Amino acid sequence: RLVLAGESAGANLVTAAACAHSFARPEPFAAVASALPVSAVVPLCGILDVTRPEQFRALARTSPWVQQRIELVCHGYAPHACPGDLASPLSILESDAEPARPLPPFATSAGDADPIVDDTRRLEAALAKRGVARSVTVHPGEAHAFQALFWREEAKRAWEGCFSFLEEHVVARA
């Protein structure tokens, strides 16, 4: 039983690993990922599409400084990324590509005050379209990576939801 979990940039990495696990990919390491016994994926508050950082410019809630940081992160992470690259796993999940192996269940959360919350919403829609078991929760008033503040009530609720999902989809099925 292997659960891939990551927050923020780590959410991108674990979602990319899940795509490498489930889709036939040309990257050499994808063969290793495809053999992993992935039971679930927990990508929290991730930026999951680095090919279009400008998508966040239109959001009134995002200050110019934050917009610049998002663009710097995207360009620094994968300066030549194209849709369909593992650097933008959301573009793979939103595509019509058929997975070679079933996608594992996903449990994720983000705050609605997070400037990149729309990638979590897009992830939910992509997983729903594919019929993937999922738990996606957007927490009101919470900022980016609020789950790390585990002593706060909303973070506790986020973790309780995540652990309940994992109990149902990983532990109970073992």
Foldseek 3Di string as FASTA:
>chain_A
DDEQEDFEQSLLVQLLLLQLLWAPDPDPCSVVSVPDPYQEYEYELYQQALVCLVVLVPDPLDDPVNSVVSVCVSCVVPVPDDQVDSSRSLSVLQDPGGTPHDGHEYEYEEEPSESRCVSLVSSVVSCVVVVHHYHYYYHYPDYGPNLVVVVDPVVVVSVVVVVVVCCVRPVVVD
